[in-house]
């Protein structure tokens, strides 16, 4: 049975972030310059490790704002009464929504839960009269990049300086720092 997607209600705010925000890191996203612009490729790393994004990278509306539903929304995915996913979306600049967070329990990944959460966030953005959705991830998260492309998002750009001031990035040579990658989906 597919997961049921429900918008977060005021009394659900304690459930926010109940799902661990992990991704498998080890592979690297490689950018290739082609006649059509930049394209993504993936290079296998020497070992894979489970990572949580640094708190400084991860920003989104707080639970109180989400419950009040002013310019943002959160959705939960439920399967057999068990919380298995969440997505958070907010109004952003340039008539876009920004998907701040999407996460699915490890046991429910690759079962369509993430795609259904993305659809709920996109529907919210469309209902707000926005032109599309922006999602940002990092080059050390190739799984997220592949997921976004599978969901119809287009790679839009790379920012090699966005995370340069984070404590774990200071002192690294510029070519070894993590880079922010932007993906877009427009409705028209």
N, C-alpha and C. Protein backbone atom coordinates (compact mmCIF):
# COMPACT_ATOMS: atom_id res chain seq x y z
N UNK A 1 0.85 -1.18 0.00
CA UNK A 1 0.00 0.00 0.00
C UNK A 1 0.89 1.24 0.00
N UNK A 2 0.63 2.20 -0.89
CA UNK A 2 1.46 3.41 -0.92
C UNK A 2 1.23 4.26 0.33
N UNK A 3 2.26 5.01 0.68
CA UNK A 3 2.19 5.88 1.85
C UNK A 3 1.13 6.95 1.66
N UNK A 4 0.51 7.35 2.75
CA UNK A 4 -0.48 8.42 2.74
C UNK A 4 0.23 9.73 3.10
N UNK A 5 0.01 10.77 2.30
CA UNK A 5 0.65 12.06 2.52
C UNK A 5 -0.38 13.01 3.14
N UNK A 6 -0.01 13.60 4.29
CA UNK A 6 -0.90 14.54 4.98
C UNK A 6 -0.12 15.80 5.34
N UNK A 7 -0.80 16.93 5.20
CA UNK A 7 -0.18 18.20 5.62
C UNK A 7 -0.09 18.24 7.13
N UNK A 8 0.98 18.81 7.64
CA UNK A 8 1.19 18.90 9.08
C UNK A 8 0.12 19.76 9.72
N UNK A 9 -0.51 19.24 10.75
CA UNK A 9 -1.49 19.98 11.54
C UNK A 9 -0.77 20.61 12.74
N UNK A 10 -1.43 21.57 13.39
CA UNK A 10 -0.81 22.25 14.54
C UNK A 10 -0.32 21.28 15.60
N UNK A 11 -1.09 20.24 15.87
CA UNK A 11 -0.71 19.30 16.93
C UNK A 11 0.33 18.26 16.47
N UNK A 12 0.77 18.34 15.21
CA UNK A 12 1.78 17.41 14.69
C UNK A 12 3.19 17.96 14.77
N UNK A 13 3.38 19.19 15.25
CA UNK A 13 4.70 19.81 15.17
C UNK A 13 5.78 19.03 15.92
N UNK A 14 5.42 18.26 16.92
CA UNK A 14 6.41 17.47 17.65
C UNK A 14 7.00 16.36 16.77
N UNK A 15 6.30 16.02 15.69
CA UNK A 15 6.80 14.96 14.80
C UNK A 15 7.87 15.45 13.83
N UNK A 16 7.96 16.76 13.68
CA UNK A 16 8.93 17.32 12.76
C UNK A 16 10.34 16.88 13.15
N UNK A 17 11.09 16.39 12.23
CA UNK A 17 12.46 15.91 12.41
C UNK A 17 12.54 14.60 13.20
N UNK A 18 11.44 13.89 13.35
CA UNK A 18 11.48 12.59 14.02
C UNK A 18 12.23 11.57 13.15
N UNK A 19 12.30 11.83 11.87
CA UNK A 19 13.01 10.93 10.95
C UNK A 19 14.44 11.43 10.80
N UNK A 20 15.37 10.52 10.96
CA UNK A 20 16.78 10.88 10.84
C UNK A 20 17.09 11.37 9.43
N UNK A 21 17.89 12.41 9.34
CA UNK A 21 18.23 13.03 8.06
C UNK A 21 19.59 12.52 7.60
N UNK A 22 19.64 11.28 7.12
CA UNK A 22 20.89 10.65 6.71
C UNK A 22 20.95 10.48 5.21
N UNK A 23 22.17 10.55 4.69
CA UNK A 23 22.40 10.17 3.30
C UNK A 23 23.73 9.44 3.21
N UNK A 24 23.82 8.59 2.22
CA UNK A 24 25.04 7.82 2.00
C UNK A 24 26.02 8.67 1.21
N UNK A 25 27.17 8.93 1.79
CA UNK A 25 28.20 9.73 1.12
C UNK A 25 29.39 8.84 0.82
N UNK A 26 30.05 9.13 -0.21
CA UNK A 26 31.21 8.36 -0.64
C UNK A 26 31.44 8.60 -2.11
N UNK A 27 30.36 8.51 -2.88
CA UNK A 27 30.45 8.87 -4.29
C UNK A 27 30.53 10.39 -4.38
N UNK A 28 31.00 10.86 -5.50
CA UNK A 28 31.13 12.30 -5.72
C UNK A 28 30.40 12.69 -6.99
N UNK A 29 29.77 13.83 -6.94
CA UNK A 29 29.14 14.38 -8.13
C UNK A 29 30.24 15.09 -8.93
N UNK A 30 30.30 14.80 -10.21
CA UNK A 30 31.28 15.41 -11.10
C UNK A 30 30.53 16.21 -12.15
N UNK A 31 30.96 17.44 -12.36
CA UNK A 31 30.33 18.30 -13.37
C UNK A 31 31.16 18.24 -14.65
N UNK A 32 30.46 18.03 -15.75
CA UNK A 32 31.11 18.00 -17.06
C UNK A 32 30.56 19.14 -17.89
N UNK A 33 31.45 19.85 -18.58
CA UNK A 33 31.03 20.91 -19.48
C UNK A 33 30.78 20.29 -20.85
N UNK A 34 29.55 20.42 -21.34
CA UNK A 34 29.18 19.86 -22.64
C UNK A 34 28.63 20.98 -23.52
N UNK A 35 28.29 20.65 -24.74
CA UNK A 35 27.68 21.65 -25.64
C UNK A 35 26.35 22.16 -25.10
N UNK A 36 25.70 21.36 -24.25
CA UNK A 36 24.42 21.74 -23.66
C UNK A 36 24.57 22.40 -22.30
N UNK A 37 25.79 22.71 -21.91
CA UNK A 37 26.03 23.30 -20.60
C UNK A 37 26.61 22.28 -19.64
N UNK A 38 26.46 22.54 -18.35
CA UNK A 38 26.97 21.62 -17.33
C UNK A 38 26.06 20.42 -17.20
N UNK A 39 26.65 19.24 -17.11
CA UNK A 39 25.89 18.01 -16.87
C UNK A 39 26.51 17.29 -15.69
N UNK A 40 25.68 16.53 -15.00
CA UNK A 40 26.13 15.79 -13.83
C UNK A 40 26.61 14.41 -14.23
N UNK A 41 27.65 13.97 -13.54
CA UNK A 41 28.13 12.61 -13.66
C UNK A 41 28.49 12.19 -12.24
N UNK A 42 28.74 10.92 -12.01
CA UNK A 42 29.00 10.44 -10.66
C UNK A 42 30.24 9.56 -10.67
N UNK A 43 31.09 9.76 -9.67
CA UNK A 43 32.32 8.99 -9.55
C UNK A 43 32.29 8.24 -8.22
N UNK A 44 32.55 6.94 -8.27
CA UNK A 44 32.56 6.13 -7.05
C UNK A 44 33.73 6.53 -6.16
N UNK A 45 33.46 6.61 -4.88
CA UNK A 45 34.50 6.92 -3.91
C UNK A 45 35.12 5.64 -3.38
N UNK A 46 36.13 5.78 -2.54
CA UNK A 46 36.82 4.61 -2.00
C UNK A 46 36.02 3.92 -0.90
N UNK A 47 35.21 4.68 -0.16
CA UNK A 47 34.35 4.07 0.86
C UNK A 47 33.11 4.93 1.05
N UNK A 48 32.05 4.30 1.47
CA UNK A 48 30.78 5.01 1.70
C UNK A 48 30.51 5.09 3.19
N UNK A 49 30.03 6.25 3.64
CA UNK A 49 29.67 6.45 5.04
C UNK A 49 28.32 7.16 5.11
N UNK A 50 27.58 6.90 6.19
CA UNK A 50 26.32 7.59 6.41
C UNK A 50 26.61 8.94 7.03
N UNK A 51 25.99 9.99 6.49
CA UNK A 51 26.22 11.35 6.97
C UNK A 51 24.90 12.07 7.24
N UNK A 52 24.95 12.98 8.18
CA UNK A 52 23.88 13.95 8.40
C UNK A 52 24.42 15.29 7.92
N UNK A 53 23.57 16.11 7.27
CA UNK A 53 24.07 17.42 6.85
C UNK A 53 24.42 18.27 8.05
N UNK A 54 25.46 19.12 7.95
CA UNK A 54 25.78 20.01 9.06
C UNK A 54 24.61 20.95 9.35
N UNK A 55 24.38 21.24 10.61
CA UNK A 55 23.26 22.11 11.01
C UNK A 55 23.32 23.46 10.33
N UNK A 56 24.51 23.97 10.09
CA UNK A 56 24.64 25.29 9.46
C UNK A 56 24.13 25.29 8.02
N UNK A 57 24.16 24.15 7.36
CA UNK A 57 23.68 24.05 5.98
C UNK A 57 22.17 23.93 5.96
N UNK A 58 21.65 23.31 6.97
CA UNK A 58 20.24 22.95 7.00
C UNK A 58 19.43 24.07 7.64
N UNK A 59 18.65 24.79 6.85
CA UNK A 59 17.82 25.85 7.41
C UNK A 59 16.42 25.75 6.81
N UNK A 60 15.45 26.06 7.63
CA UNK A 60 14.06 26.04 7.18
C UNK A 60 13.18 26.68 8.23
N UNK A 61 11.92 26.93 7.90
CA UNK A 61 11.02 27.54 8.89
C UNK A 61 10.90 26.65 10.13
N UNK A 62 10.72 27.28 11.29
CA UNK A 62 10.56 26.49 12.51
C UNK A 62 9.15 25.90 12.60
N UNK A 63 8.96 25.01 13.57
CA UNK A 63 7.69 24.30 13.71
C UNK A 63 6.52 25.25 13.94
N UNK A 64 6.74 26.33 14.68
CA UNK A 64 5.67 27.29 14.94
C UNK A 64 5.21 27.95 13.64
N UNK A 65 6.16 28.37 12.81
CA UNK A 65 5.81 28.98 11.52
C UNK A 65 5.09 27.99 10.63
N UNK A 66 5.56 26.75 10.62
CA UNK A 66 4.93 25.72 9.78
C UNK A 66 3.50 25.45 10.23
N UNK A 67 3.29 25.41 11.53
CA UNK A 67 1.93 25.17 12.04
C UNK A 67 1.00 26.32 11.70
N UNK A 68 1.53 27.55 11.69
CA UNK A 68 0.71 28.71 11.36
C UNK A 68 0.44 28.79 9.85
N UNK A 69 1.24 28.08 9.07
CA UNK A 69 1.06 27.96 7.61
C UNK A 69 1.10 29.31 6.90
N UNK A 70 2.01 30.16 7.30
CA UNK A 70 2.15 31.45 6.62
C UNK A 70 3.38 31.41 5.72
N UNK A 71 3.16 31.15 4.46
CA UNK A 71 4.24 31.13 3.50
C UNK A 71 5.09 29.87 3.51
N UNK A 72 4.64 28.85 4.21
CA UNK A 72 5.38 27.60 4.24
C UNK A 72 4.43 26.46 4.62
N UNK A 73 4.88 25.24 4.38
CA UNK A 73 4.06 24.07 4.69
C UNK A 73 4.96 22.87 4.93
N UNK A 74 4.47 21.94 5.71
CA UNK A 74 5.17 20.68 5.94
C UNK A 74 4.19 19.54 5.66
N UNK A 75 4.73 18.47 5.13
CA UNK A 75 3.93 17.27 4.82
C UNK A 75 4.59 16.06 5.45
N UNK A 76 3.75 15.15 5.94
CA UNK A 76 4.24 13.90 6.50
C UNK A 76 3.74 12.74 5.65
N UNK A 77 4.56 11.71 5.55
CA UNK A 77 4.17 10.48 4.87
C UNK A 77 3.96 9.41 5.95
N UNK A 78 2.83 8.71 5.83
CA UNK A 78 2.48 7.67 6.79
C UNK A 78 2.28 6.36 6.06
N UNK A 79 2.78 5.30 6.65
CA UNK A 79 2.57 3.96 6.09
C UNK A 79 2.17 3.04 7.24
N UNK A 80 0.96 2.50 7.18
CA UNK A 80 0.42 1.64 8.24
C UNK A 80 0.50 2.30 9.61
N UNK A 81 0.17 3.60 9.67
CA UNK A 81 0.16 4.33 10.93
C UNK A 81 1.53 4.75 11.43
N UNK A 82 2.58 4.50 10.67
CA UNK A 82 3.94 4.84 11.08
C UNK A 82 4.47 5.98 10.22
N UNK A 83 5.07 6.98 10.87
CA UNK A 83 5.66 8.11 10.16
C UNK A 83 6.88 7.61 9.39
N UNK A 84 6.89 7.84 8.06
CA UNK A 84 7.99 7.35 7.22
C UNK A 84 8.65 8.44 6.39
N UNK A 85 8.14 9.68 6.43
CA UNK A 85 8.77 10.73 5.64
C UNK A 85 8.24 12.10 5.98
N UNK A 86 8.99 13.13 5.56
CA UNK A 86 8.55 14.51 5.74
C UNK A 86 9.13 15.37 4.63
N UNK A 87 8.43 16.44 4.32
CA UNK A 87 8.91 17.45 3.38
C UNK A 87 8.50 18.81 3.91
N UNK A 88 9.37 19.80 3.74
CA UNK A 88 9.10 21.17 4.16
C UNK A 88 9.38 22.08 2.97
N UNK A 89 8.42 22.96 2.69
CA UNK A 89 8.53 23.87 1.55
C UNK A 89 8.16 25.28 2.02
N UNK A 90 8.79 26.28 1.41
CA UNK A 90 8.48 27.67 1.77
C UNK A 90 8.52 28.54 0.53
N UNK A 91 7.81 29.68 0.61
CA UNK A 91 7.92 30.69 -0.45
C UNK A 91 9.34 31.23 -0.42
N UNK A 92 9.88 31.48 -1.61
CA UNK A 92 11.25 31.94 -1.73
C UNK A 92 11.28 33.14 -2.68
N UNK A 93 12.44 33.56 -3.07
CA UNK A 93 12.56 34.70 -3.97
C UNK A 93 12.35 34.29 -5.43
N UNK A 94 12.18 35.25 -6.29
CA UNK A 94 12.02 35.07 -7.73
C UNK A 94 10.82 34.20 -8.10
N UNK A 95 9.71 34.34 -7.36
CA UNK A 95 8.47 33.58 -7.61
C UNK A 95 8.68 32.07 -7.54
N UNK A 96 9.60 31.64 -6.71
CA UNK A 96 9.87 30.21 -6.54
C UNK A 96 9.57 29.77 -5.12
N UNK A 97 9.28 28.51 -4.98
CA UNK A 97 9.24 27.88 -3.67
C UNK A 97 10.61 27.24 -3.46
N UNK A 98 11.00 27.07 -2.22
CA UNK A 98 12.24 26.36 -1.90
C UNK A 98 11.88 25.14 -1.09
N UNK A 99 12.25 23.98 -1.59
CA UNK A 99 12.08 22.76 -0.82
C UNK A 99 13.22 22.70 0.17
N UNK A 100 12.91 22.93 1.44
CA UNK A 100 13.93 23.04 2.48
C UNK A 100 14.39 21.69 2.98
N UNK A 101 13.52 20.71 2.92
CA UNK A 101 13.83 19.42 3.51
C UNK A 101 12.91 18.36 2.92
N UNK A 102 13.48 17.25 2.56
CA UNK A 102 12.71 16.05 2.24
C UNK A 102 13.53 14.89 2.76
N UNK A 103 12.88 14.04 3.55
CA UNK A 103 13.57 12.88 4.11
C UNK A 103 12.61 11.72 4.24
N UNK A 104 13.14 10.54 4.07
CA UNK A 104 12.35 9.31 4.13
C UNK A 104 13.16 8.30 4.94
N UNK A 105 12.48 7.52 5.78
CA UNK A 105 13.18 6.49 6.55
C UNK A 105 13.92 5.55 5.60
N UNK A 106 15.01 5.01 6.06
CA UNK A 106 15.83 4.14 5.22
C UNK A 106 15.03 2.96 4.68
N UNK A 107 14.15 2.40 5.51
CA UNK A 107 13.37 1.22 5.09
C UNK A 107 12.34 1.52 4.01
N UNK A 108 11.97 2.80 3.83
CA UNK A 108 10.94 3.16 2.85
C UNK A 108 11.50 3.83 1.60
N UNK A 109 12.81 3.99 1.53
CA UNK A 109 13.40 4.60 0.34
C UNK A 109 13.25 3.68 -0.86
N UNK A 110 13.16 4.31 -2.03
CA UNK A 110 12.99 3.61 -3.32
C UNK A 110 11.62 2.92 -3.43
N UNK A 111 10.64 3.45 -2.71
CA UNK A 111 9.28 2.92 -2.76
C UNK A 111 8.26 3.99 -3.16
N UNK A 112 8.75 5.14 -3.63
CA UNK A 112 7.87 6.19 -4.10
C UNK A 112 7.44 7.20 -3.06
N UNK A 113 7.86 7.02 -1.81
CA UNK A 113 7.45 7.94 -0.74
C UNK A 113 8.03 9.33 -0.99
N UNK A 114 9.31 9.42 -1.31
CA UNK A 114 9.94 10.72 -1.56
C UNK A 114 9.29 11.44 -2.72
N UNK A 115 8.99 10.70 -3.79
CA UNK A 115 8.35 11.32 -4.97
C UNK A 115 6.97 11.86 -4.60
N UNK A 116 6.23 11.15 -3.77
CA UNK A 116 4.90 11.62 -3.36
C UNK A 116 5.01 12.86 -2.47
N UNK A 117 6.02 12.92 -1.62
CA UNK A 117 6.24 14.12 -0.81
C UNK A 117 6.61 15.30 -1.70
N UNK A 118 7.43 15.05 -2.71
CA UNK A 118 7.80 16.12 -3.66
C UNK A 118 6.56 16.63 -4.38
N UNK A 119 5.69 15.74 -4.80
CA UNK A 119 4.45 16.14 -5.48
C UNK A 119 3.59 17.01 -4.58
N UNK A 120 3.51 16.67 -3.30
CA UNK A 120 2.72 17.47 -2.36
C UNK A 120 3.31 18.87 -2.23
N UNK A 121 4.63 18.97 -2.12
CA UNK A 121 5.30 20.27 -2.02
C UNK A 121 5.10 21.08 -3.30
N UNK A 122 5.22 20.43 -4.44
CA UNK A 122 5.02 21.11 -5.72
C UNK A 122 3.58 21.59 -5.87
N UNK A 123 2.62 20.78 -5.45
CA UNK A 123 1.21 21.18 -5.52
C UNK A 123 0.97 22.41 -4.65
N UNK A 124 1.56 22.43 -3.45
CA UNK A 124 1.45 23.59 -2.57
C UNK A 124 2.01 24.83 -3.27
N UNK A 125 3.20 24.72 -3.88
CA UNK A 125 3.83 25.85 -4.56
C UNK A 125 2.95 26.35 -5.70
N UNK A 126 2.40 25.45 -6.46
CA UNK A 126 1.52 25.81 -7.58
C UNK A 126 0.29 26.54 -7.06
N UNK A 127 -0.30 26.05 -5.95
CA UNK A 127 -1.48 26.69 -5.36
C UNK A 127 -1.16 28.08 -4.82
N UNK A 128 0.11 28.33 -4.49
CA UNK A 128 0.52 29.65 -4.02
C UNK A 128 0.76 30.62 -5.18
N UNK A 129 0.61 30.14 -6.40
CA UNK A 129 0.83 30.98 -7.58
C UNK A 129 2.29 31.15 -7.94
N UNK A 130 3.14 30.26 -7.45
CA UNK A 130 4.56 30.35 -7.73
C UNK A 130 4.89 29.68 -9.06
N UNK A 131 6.04 30.02 -9.61
CA UNK A 131 6.41 29.53 -10.95
C UNK A 131 7.13 28.20 -10.93
N UNK A 132 7.63 27.78 -9.77
CA UNK A 132 8.36 26.51 -9.71
C UNK A 132 8.97 26.30 -8.35
N UNK A 133 9.85 25.31 -8.28
CA UNK A 133 10.47 24.91 -7.01
C UNK A 133 11.99 24.83 -7.19
N UNK A 134 12.70 25.35 -6.21
CA UNK A 134 14.15 25.27 -6.13
C UNK A 134 14.51 24.28 -5.03
N UNK A 135 15.48 23.42 -5.29
CA UNK A 135 16.02 22.50 -4.28
C UNK A 135 17.53 22.61 -4.32
N UNK A 136 18.13 22.73 -3.15
CA UNK A 136 19.59 22.76 -3.08
C UNK A 136 20.10 21.53 -2.33
N UNK A 137 21.20 20.99 -2.82
CA UNK A 137 21.86 19.87 -2.15
C UNK A 137 23.36 20.08 -2.29
N UNK A 138 24.15 19.11 -1.89
CA UNK A 138 25.60 19.25 -1.96
C UNK A 138 26.18 18.19 -2.91
N UNK A 139 27.39 18.46 -3.36
CA UNK A 139 28.03 17.53 -4.28
C UNK A 139 28.46 16.22 -3.61
N UNK A 140 28.39 16.15 -2.28
CA UNK A 140 28.69 14.89 -1.60
C UNK A 140 27.44 14.04 -1.38
N UNK A 141 26.34 14.41 -2.02
CA UNK A 141 25.09 13.68 -1.88
C UNK A 141 24.55 13.30 -3.27
N UNK A 142 25.24 12.40 -3.96
CA UNK A 142 24.81 12.04 -5.31
C UNK A 142 23.44 11.37 -5.35
N UNK A 143 23.06 10.69 -4.27
CA UNK A 143 21.73 10.08 -4.23
C UNK A 143 20.63 11.12 -4.34
N UNK A 144 20.80 12.26 -3.66
CA UNK A 144 19.82 13.34 -3.75
C UNK A 144 19.77 13.90 -5.16
N UNK A 145 20.94 14.05 -5.79
CA UNK A 145 20.98 14.57 -7.16
C UNK A 145 20.23 13.64 -8.11
N UNK A 146 20.49 12.35 -8.00
CA UNK A 146 19.82 11.37 -8.87
C UNK A 146 18.32 11.35 -8.61
N UNK A 147 17.92 11.45 -7.34
CA UNK A 147 16.50 11.49 -6.99
C UNK A 147 15.82 12.71 -7.62
N UNK A 148 16.46 13.87 -7.52
CA UNK A 148 15.87 15.09 -8.07
C UNK A 148 15.72 15.00 -9.58
N UNK A 149 16.72 14.50 -10.26
CA UNK A 149 16.63 14.33 -11.71
C UNK A 149 15.50 13.37 -12.06
N UNK A 150 15.37 12.29 -11.30
CA UNK A 150 14.30 11.32 -11.53
C UNK A 150 12.91 11.95 -11.34
N UNK A 151 12.83 12.93 -10.44
CA UNK A 151 11.57 13.63 -10.17
C UNK A 151 11.31 14.77 -11.17
N UNK A 152 12.17 14.93 -12.17
CA UNK A 152 11.93 15.93 -13.20
C UNK A 152 12.62 17.26 -12.97
N UNK A 153 13.53 17.34 -12.01
CA UNK A 153 14.24 18.59 -11.75
C UNK A 153 15.43 18.71 -12.68
N UNK A 154 15.75 19.95 -13.04
CA UNK A 154 16.87 20.24 -13.93
C UNK A 154 17.99 20.86 -13.10
N UNK A 155 19.20 20.42 -13.36
CA UNK A 155 20.37 21.00 -12.71
C UNK A 155 20.53 22.44 -13.17
N UNK A 156 20.66 23.37 -12.22
CA UNK A 156 20.71 24.77 -12.58
C UNK A 156 22.02 25.47 -12.28
N UNK A 157 22.81 24.94 -11.37
CA UNK A 157 24.05 25.63 -11.09
C UNK A 157 24.80 25.09 -9.90
N UNK A 158 26.02 25.57 -9.76
CA UNK A 158 26.91 25.16 -8.68
C UNK A 158 27.47 26.40 -8.00
N UNK A 159 27.58 26.34 -6.70
CA UNK A 159 28.16 27.44 -5.92
C UNK A 159 29.29 26.85 -5.09
N UNK A 160 30.51 27.14 -5.48
CA UNK A 160 31.68 26.56 -4.80
C UNK A 160 32.08 27.32 -3.53
N UNK A 161 31.44 28.46 -3.28
CA UNK A 161 31.80 29.27 -2.11
C UNK A 161 30.74 29.26 -1.01
N UNK A 162 29.55 28.77 -1.29
CA UNK A 162 28.44 28.85 -0.33
C UNK A 162 28.81 28.30 1.05
N UNK A 163 29.55 27.20 1.09
CA UNK A 163 29.84 26.56 2.38
C UNK A 163 31.28 26.78 2.85
N UNK A 164 32.01 27.67 2.19
CA UNK A 164 33.44 27.88 2.48
C UNK A 164 33.70 28.33 3.91
N UNK A 165 32.74 28.99 4.57
CA UNK A 165 32.96 29.49 5.93
C UNK A 165 32.55 28.50 7.01
N UNK A 166 32.03 27.33 6.64
CA UNK A 166 31.67 26.33 7.64
C UNK A 166 32.93 25.79 8.30
N UNK A 167 32.86 25.50 9.60
CA UNK A 167 34.07 25.05 10.31
C UNK A 167 34.78 23.86 9.66
N UNK A 168 34.04 22.90 9.14
CA UNK A 168 34.70 21.73 8.54
C UNK A 168 35.25 22.00 7.15
N UNK A 169 34.96 23.18 6.58
CA UNK A 169 35.43 23.53 5.24
C UNK A 169 36.61 24.51 5.26
N UNK A 170 36.73 25.27 6.35
CA UNK A 170 37.81 26.25 6.47
C UNK A 170 39.15 25.50 6.47
N UNK A 171 40.05 26.01 5.69
CA UNK A 171 41.37 25.40 5.63
C UNK A 171 41.52 24.35 4.54
N UNK A 172 40.39 23.89 3.99
CA UNK A 172 40.48 22.94 2.88
C UNK A 172 40.85 23.69 1.61
N UNK A 173 41.64 23.07 0.75
CA UNK A 173 41.88 23.72 -0.56
C UNK A 173 40.54 23.90 -1.28
N UNK A 174 40.41 24.95 -2.05
CA UNK A 174 39.12 25.28 -2.68
C UNK A 174 38.57 24.13 -3.51
N UNK A 175 39.42 23.35 -4.17
CA UNK A 175 38.93 22.27 -5.00
C UNK A 175 38.42 21.08 -4.18
N UNK A 176 38.68 21.06 -2.87
CA UNK A 176 38.21 19.97 -2.01
C UNK A 176 37.02 20.35 -1.14
N UNK A 177 36.62 21.62 -1.18
CA UNK A 177 35.46 22.05 -0.40
C UNK A 177 34.17 21.51 -1.00
N UNK A 178 33.18 21.29 -0.14
CA UNK A 178 31.86 20.90 -0.62
C UNK A 178 31.26 22.05 -1.42
N UNK A 179 30.48 21.70 -2.42
CA UNK A 179 29.82 22.70 -3.26
C UNK A 179 28.31 22.53 -3.17
N UNK A 180 27.59 23.64 -3.25
CA UNK A 180 26.12 23.61 -3.26
C UNK A 180 25.66 23.47 -4.71
N UNK A 181 24.69 22.58 -4.92
CA UNK A 181 24.13 22.36 -6.24
C UNK A 181 22.65 22.75 -6.22
N UNK A 182 22.21 23.47 -7.24
CA UNK A 182 20.83 23.93 -7.32
C UNK A 182 20.08 23.18 -8.42
N UNK A 183 18.87 22.76 -8.11
CA UNK A 183 18.00 22.07 -9.06
C UNK A 183 16.67 22.81 -9.09
N UNK A 184 16.03 22.84 -10.28
CA UNK A 184 14.80 23.60 -10.45
C UNK A 184 13.76 22.75 -11.18
N UNK A 185 12.51 23.03 -10.84
CA UNK A 185 11.38 22.48 -11.60
C UNK A 185 10.39 23.61 -11.79
N UNK A 186 10.16 23.96 -13.05
CA UNK A 186 9.21 25.04 -13.36
C UNK A 186 7.90 24.43 -13.83
N UNK A 187 6.80 25.11 -13.51
CA UNK A 187 5.47 24.59 -13.82
C UNK A 187 5.02 24.91 -15.24
N UNK A 188 5.62 25.89 -15.89
CA UNK A 188 5.20 26.23 -17.26
C UNK A 188 6.32 26.00 -18.24
